Structures are given as structure tokens and as C-alpha cells.
Amino acid sequence: MALHDLEPTEKPCQMVIKAQFEIPKSWTKARKAAAAADIIYPGKPDIDNIAKIVLDSFNGVVFADDAQVYDLKVFKRYAVEPCLVTTVTW
């Protein structure tokens, strides 16, 4: 937001959080293939903890307060490249 000279929004927001986790190297080839094909998903961390961390991090930065978020979707999966992608719209 600061990069674009924007202040935290006061408007209601929708948010999508996509958390991608590294496939453990110690897994068998079959289990790695199942993770890559979205047949198995990460157990930990819990999805609500992912949402809490991201929402708390965006408080006062993207939106004034996380109470403004009226629609939230959180996905977690295994991927070749671990990352966290968030989209906020208002």
C-alpha cells in the first residue's frame, strides 16, 4: 500500500488467501505425486491459524481493521514452490 501511496481502506473487503507448502523431501514418490496432484493436503498449520496471521498482519496496512472483511476464502495445498498469495478487493 505504501509503495502505491495508498492509505488503509475503510471499505468492506473480500479476501482470498492461498497458502502453498513445500512437499516434504522425505516422502515416497507416490506420496509426493499425490500431494502434487492435490489428492492429499497439508494438515498443519490449521487453516484458521493461517487466516488469523494474515488478517492480523494486514490490520492498519491494507484495511483499517480486519472486522471489515465480510468474505474470506482460505486454501492450503502442497506445491513445488511454497508461497503465500493474498488478494483483497473492496
N, C-alpha and C. Protein backbone atom coordinates (compact mmCIF):
# COMPACT_ATOMS: atom_id res chain seq x y z
N MET A 1 0.83 -1.18 0.00
CA MET A 1 0.00 0.00 0.00
C MET A 1 0.88 1.25 0.00
N ALA A 2 1.91 1.25 0.83
CA ALA A 2 2.81 2.40 0.90
C ALA A 2 3.53 2.61 -0.43
N LEU A 3 3.85 1.51 -1.10
CA LEU A 3 4.52 1.58 -2.40
C LEU A 3 3.68 2.36 -3.41
N HIS A 4 2.37 2.24 -3.30
CA HIS A 4 1.45 2.92 -4.21
C HIS A 4 0.84 4.17 -3.58
N ASP A 5 1.39 4.59 -2.46
CA ASP A 5 0.93 5.78 -1.75
C ASP A 5 -0.57 5.71 -1.41
N LEU A 6 -1.00 4.51 -0.92
CA LEU A 6 -2.39 4.29 -0.54
C LEU A 6 -2.52 4.14 0.97
N GLU A 7 -3.58 4.68 1.49
CA GLU A 7 -3.89 4.53 2.91
C GLU A 7 -4.73 3.26 3.10
N PRO A 8 -4.73 2.69 4.30
CA PRO A 8 -5.60 1.54 4.56
C PRO A 8 -7.07 1.91 4.27
N THR A 9 -7.76 1.00 3.61
CA THR A 9 -9.15 1.27 3.24
C THR A 9 -10.08 1.14 4.44
N GLU A 10 -11.15 1.89 4.40
CA GLU A 10 -12.21 1.82 5.42
C GLU A 10 -13.42 1.05 4.88
N LYS A 11 -13.34 0.62 3.61
CA LYS A 11 -14.46 -0.05 2.95
C LYS A 11 -14.53 -1.53 3.33
N PRO A 12 -15.72 -2.15 3.20
CA PRO A 12 -15.83 -3.60 3.40
C PRO A 12 -14.97 -4.34 2.37
N CYS A 13 -14.36 -5.44 2.78
CA CYS A 13 -13.40 -6.15 1.93
C CYS A 13 -13.74 -7.63 1.77
N GLN A 14 -13.34 -8.14 0.61
CA GLN A 14 -13.33 -9.58 0.38
C GLN A 14 -11.87 -9.99 0.32
N MET A 15 -11.59 -11.22 0.78
CA MET A 15 -10.19 -11.63 0.83
C MET A 15 -10.05 -13.11 0.46
N VAL A 16 -9.02 -13.41 -0.32
CA VAL A 16 -8.66 -14.78 -0.66
C VAL A 16 -7.22 -15.00 -0.22
N ILE A 17 -6.98 -16.09 0.51
CA ILE A 17 -5.64 -16.44 0.97
C ILE A 17 -5.31 -17.83 0.42
N LYS A 18 -4.20 -17.93 -0.28
CA LYS A 18 -3.75 -19.21 -0.82
C LYS A 18 -2.38 -19.51 -0.25
N ALA A 19 -2.30 -20.52 0.59
CA ALA A 19 -1.04 -20.91 1.23
C ALA A 19 -0.54 -22.20 0.59
N GLN A 20 0.65 -22.15 0.00
CA GLN A 20 1.25 -23.31 -0.64
C GLN A 20 2.46 -23.75 0.16
N PHE A 21 2.49 -25.03 0.50
CA PHE A 21 3.55 -25.58 1.33
C PHE A 21 4.42 -26.55 0.53
N GLU A 22 5.69 -26.59 0.89
CA GLU A 22 6.64 -27.47 0.22
C GLU A 22 6.30 -28.92 0.50
N ILE A 23 6.42 -29.75 -0.52
CA ILE A 23 6.22 -31.19 -0.37
C ILE A 23 7.46 -31.74 0.34
N PRO A 24 7.29 -32.46 1.46
CA PRO A 24 8.46 -32.97 2.19
C PRO A 24 9.33 -33.88 1.32
N LYS A 25 10.63 -33.64 1.38
CA LYS A 25 11.58 -34.41 0.59
C LYS A 25 11.66 -35.86 1.05
N SER A 26 11.30 -36.12 2.29
CA SER A 26 11.40 -37.47 2.85
C SER A 26 10.26 -38.38 2.40
N TRP A 27 9.25 -37.85 1.76
CA TRP A 27 8.12 -38.66 1.33
C TRP A 27 8.49 -39.56 0.16
N THR A 28 7.71 -40.64 0.02
CA THR A 28 7.90 -41.55 -1.12
C THR A 28 7.46 -40.85 -2.41
N LYS A 29 7.89 -41.39 -3.55
CA LYS A 29 7.49 -40.82 -4.84
C LYS A 29 5.98 -40.81 -4.99
N ALA A 30 5.33 -41.86 -4.54
CA ALA A 30 3.87 -41.96 -4.66
C ALA A 30 3.17 -40.88 -3.84
N ARG A 31 3.66 -40.69 -2.63
CA ARG A 31 3.05 -39.67 -1.77
C ARG A 31 3.32 -38.26 -2.30
N LYS A 32 4.52 -38.03 -2.83
CA LYS A 32 4.83 -36.74 -3.45
C LYS A 32 3.92 -36.47 -4.65
N ALA A 33 3.69 -37.51 -5.46
CA ALA A 33 2.82 -37.36 -6.63
C ALA A 33 1.39 -37.06 -6.20
N ALA A 34 0.93 -37.70 -5.14
CA ALA A 34 -0.43 -37.44 -4.62
C ALA A 34 -0.55 -36.01 -4.11
N ALA A 35 0.48 -35.52 -3.46
CA ALA A 35 0.46 -34.14 -2.96
C ALA A 35 0.46 -33.16 -4.13
N ALA A 36 1.25 -33.42 -5.15
CA ALA A 36 1.32 -32.54 -6.32
C ALA A 36 0.02 -32.54 -7.10
N ALA A 37 -0.72 -33.65 -7.04
CA ALA A 37 -2.00 -33.77 -7.77
C ALA A 37 -3.19 -33.32 -6.92
N ASP A 38 -2.94 -32.71 -5.78
CA ASP A 38 -3.99 -32.24 -4.87
C ASP A 38 -4.90 -33.37 -4.39
N ILE A 39 -4.31 -34.54 -4.18
CA ILE A 39 -5.06 -35.66 -3.61
C ILE A 39 -4.93 -35.63 -2.09
N ILE A 40 -3.77 -35.21 -1.61
CA ILE A 40 -3.59 -35.02 -0.17
C ILE A 40 -3.21 -33.56 0.09
N TYR A 41 -3.59 -33.09 1.27
CA TYR A 41 -3.40 -31.68 1.62
C TYR A 41 -2.64 -31.57 2.94
N PRO A 42 -2.01 -30.42 3.20
CA PRO A 42 -1.30 -30.24 4.46
C PRO A 42 -2.26 -30.29 5.65
N GLY A 43 -1.82 -30.90 6.71
CA GLY A 43 -2.63 -30.94 7.93
C GLY A 43 -2.37 -29.71 8.79
N LYS A 44 -1.13 -29.46 9.06
CA LYS A 44 -0.73 -28.31 9.88
C LYS A 44 -0.04 -27.28 9.01
N PRO A 45 -0.15 -26.03 9.24
CA PRO A 45 -0.93 -25.39 10.31
C PRO A 45 -2.42 -25.41 9.98
N ASP A 46 -3.23 -25.28 11.03
CA ASP A 46 -4.67 -25.22 10.84
C ASP A 46 -5.03 -24.02 9.98
N ILE A 47 -6.07 -24.18 9.18
CA ILE A 47 -6.46 -23.14 8.23
C ILE A 47 -6.89 -21.85 8.95
N ASP A 48 -7.49 -21.98 10.13
CA ASP A 48 -7.91 -20.78 10.86
C ASP A 48 -6.71 -20.00 11.39
N ASN A 49 -5.62 -20.71 11.68
CA ASN A 49 -4.41 -20.02 12.13
C ASN A 49 -3.74 -19.26 10.98
N ILE A 50 -3.80 -19.83 9.77
CA ILE A 50 -3.29 -19.12 8.60
C ILE A 50 -4.07 -17.83 8.41
N ALA A 51 -5.40 -17.93 8.46
CA ALA A 51 -6.25 -16.75 8.27
C ALA A 51 -5.97 -15.70 9.34
N LYS A 52 -5.83 -16.12 10.59
CA LYS A 52 -5.60 -15.18 11.69
C LYS A 52 -4.29 -14.40 11.49
N ILE A 53 -3.24 -15.11 11.12
CA ILE A 53 -1.93 -14.46 10.93
C ILE A 53 -2.01 -13.42 9.81
N VAL A 54 -2.62 -13.79 8.69
CA VAL A 54 -2.71 -12.86 7.56
C VAL A 54 -3.60 -11.67 7.90
N LEU A 55 -4.77 -11.93 8.47
CA LEU A 55 -5.68 -10.84 8.84
C LEU A 55 -5.02 -9.88 9.82
N ASP A 56 -4.38 -10.41 10.84
CA ASP A 56 -3.70 -9.55 11.82
C ASP A 56 -2.57 -8.75 11.17
N SER A 57 -1.86 -9.37 10.22
CA SER A 57 -0.76 -8.67 9.54
C SER A 57 -1.25 -7.53 8.67
N PHE A 58 -2.45 -7.65 8.12
CA PHE A 58 -3.00 -6.63 7.23
C PHE A 58 -3.69 -5.50 7.98
N ASN A 59 -3.96 -5.69 9.27
CA ASN A 59 -4.60 -4.65 10.09
C ASN A 59 -3.77 -3.37 10.05
N GLY A 60 -4.40 -2.27 9.69
CA GLY A 60 -3.72 -0.99 9.67
C GLY A 60 -2.78 -0.79 8.49
N VAL A 61 -2.66 -1.81 7.63
CA VAL A 61 -1.80 -1.71 6.46
C VAL A 61 -2.66 -1.70 5.19
N VAL A 62 -3.47 -2.73 5.02
CA VAL A 62 -4.34 -2.84 3.85
C VAL A 62 -5.74 -2.32 4.18
N PHE A 63 -6.24 -2.72 5.34
CA PHE A 63 -7.53 -2.23 5.80
C PHE A 63 -7.37 -1.71 7.22
N ALA A 64 -8.29 -0.84 7.62
CA ALA A 64 -8.19 -0.24 8.96
C ALA A 64 -8.33 -1.30 10.05
N ASP A 65 -9.24 -2.26 9.86
CA ASP A 65 -9.47 -3.29 10.86
C ASP A 65 -9.95 -4.55 10.16
N ASP A 66 -9.55 -5.72 10.63
CA ASP A 66 -9.96 -6.96 9.97
C ASP A 66 -11.45 -7.26 10.11
N ALA A 67 -12.15 -6.49 10.95
CA ALA A 67 -13.61 -6.63 11.05
C ALA A 67 -14.30 -6.20 9.76
N GLN A 68 -13.59 -5.49 8.89
CA GLN A 68 -14.13 -5.05 7.60
C GLN A 68 -14.25 -6.20 6.60
N VAL A 69 -13.55 -7.31 6.85
CA VAL A 69 -13.57 -8.44 5.93
C VAL A 69 -14.89 -9.19 6.12
N TYR A 70 -15.72 -9.17 5.07
CA TYR A 70 -17.02 -9.82 5.16
C TYR A 70 -17.07 -11.15 4.40
N ASP A 71 -16.06 -11.41 3.56
CA ASP A 71 -16.00 -12.66 2.80
C ASP A 71 -14.55 -13.11 2.78
N LEU A 72 -14.30 -14.33 3.27
CA LEU A 72 -12.93 -14.83 3.38
C LEU A 72 -12.87 -16.26 2.87
N LYS A 73 -11.95 -16.51 1.96
CA LYS A 73 -11.70 -17.86 1.46
C LYS A 73 -10.23 -18.17 1.70
N VAL A 74 -9.96 -19.33 2.29
CA VAL A 74 -8.59 -19.73 2.58
C VAL A 74 -8.36 -21.12 1.99
N PHE A 75 -7.28 -21.25 1.23
CA PHE A 75 -6.89 -22.52 0.63
C PHE A 75 -5.50 -22.87 1.10
N LYS A 76 -5.26 -24.16 1.33
CA LYS A 76 -3.89 -24.61 1.58
C LYS A 76 -3.66 -25.88 0.79
N ARG A 77 -2.44 -25.98 0.26
CA ARG A 77 -2.10 -27.11 -0.58
C ARG A 77 -0.59 -27.28 -0.62
N TYR A 78 -0.17 -28.40 -1.17
CA TYR A 78 1.25 -28.61 -1.42
C TYR A 78 1.58 -28.10 -2.82
N ALA A 79 2.80 -27.63 -3.01
CA ALA A 79 3.23 -27.13 -4.31
C ALA A 79 4.74 -27.23 -4.42
N VAL A 80 5.23 -27.18 -5.64
CA VAL A 80 6.67 -27.21 -5.89
C VAL A 80 7.32 -25.97 -5.30
N GLU A 81 6.67 -24.83 -5.47
CA GLU A 81 7.18 -23.57 -4.93
C GLU A 81 6.28 -23.09 -3.80
N PRO A 82 6.75 -23.17 -2.55
CA PRO A 82 5.93 -22.69 -1.44
C PRO A 82 5.78 -21.17 -1.50
N CYS A 83 4.60 -20.69 -1.19
CA CYS A 83 4.36 -19.25 -1.17
C CYS A 83 3.03 -18.95 -0.49
N LEU A 84 2.80 -17.69 -0.24
CA LEU A 84 1.54 -17.22 0.32
C LEU A 84 1.05 -16.11 -0.59
N VAL A 85 -0.13 -16.31 -1.18
CA VAL A 85 -0.70 -15.34 -2.10
C VAL A 85 -2.01 -14.83 -1.49
N THR A 86 -2.13 -13.52 -1.40
CA THR A 86 -3.36 -12.94 -0.86
C THR A 86 -3.93 -11.94 -1.87
N THR A 87 -5.25 -11.92 -1.92
CA THR A 87 -5.95 -10.95 -2.76
C THR A 87 -7.02 -10.30 -1.91
N VAL A 88 -7.02 -8.97 -1.90
CA VAL A 88 -8.03 -8.21 -1.16
C VAL A 88 -8.72 -7.30 -2.16
N THR A 89 -10.05 -7.35 -2.17
CA THR A 89 -10.82 -6.46 -3.04
C THR A 89 -11.84 -5.69 -2.22
N TRP A 90 -12.12 -4.48 -2.65
CA TRP A 90 -13.13 -3.65 -1.99
C TRP A 90 -13.83 -2.78 -3.00
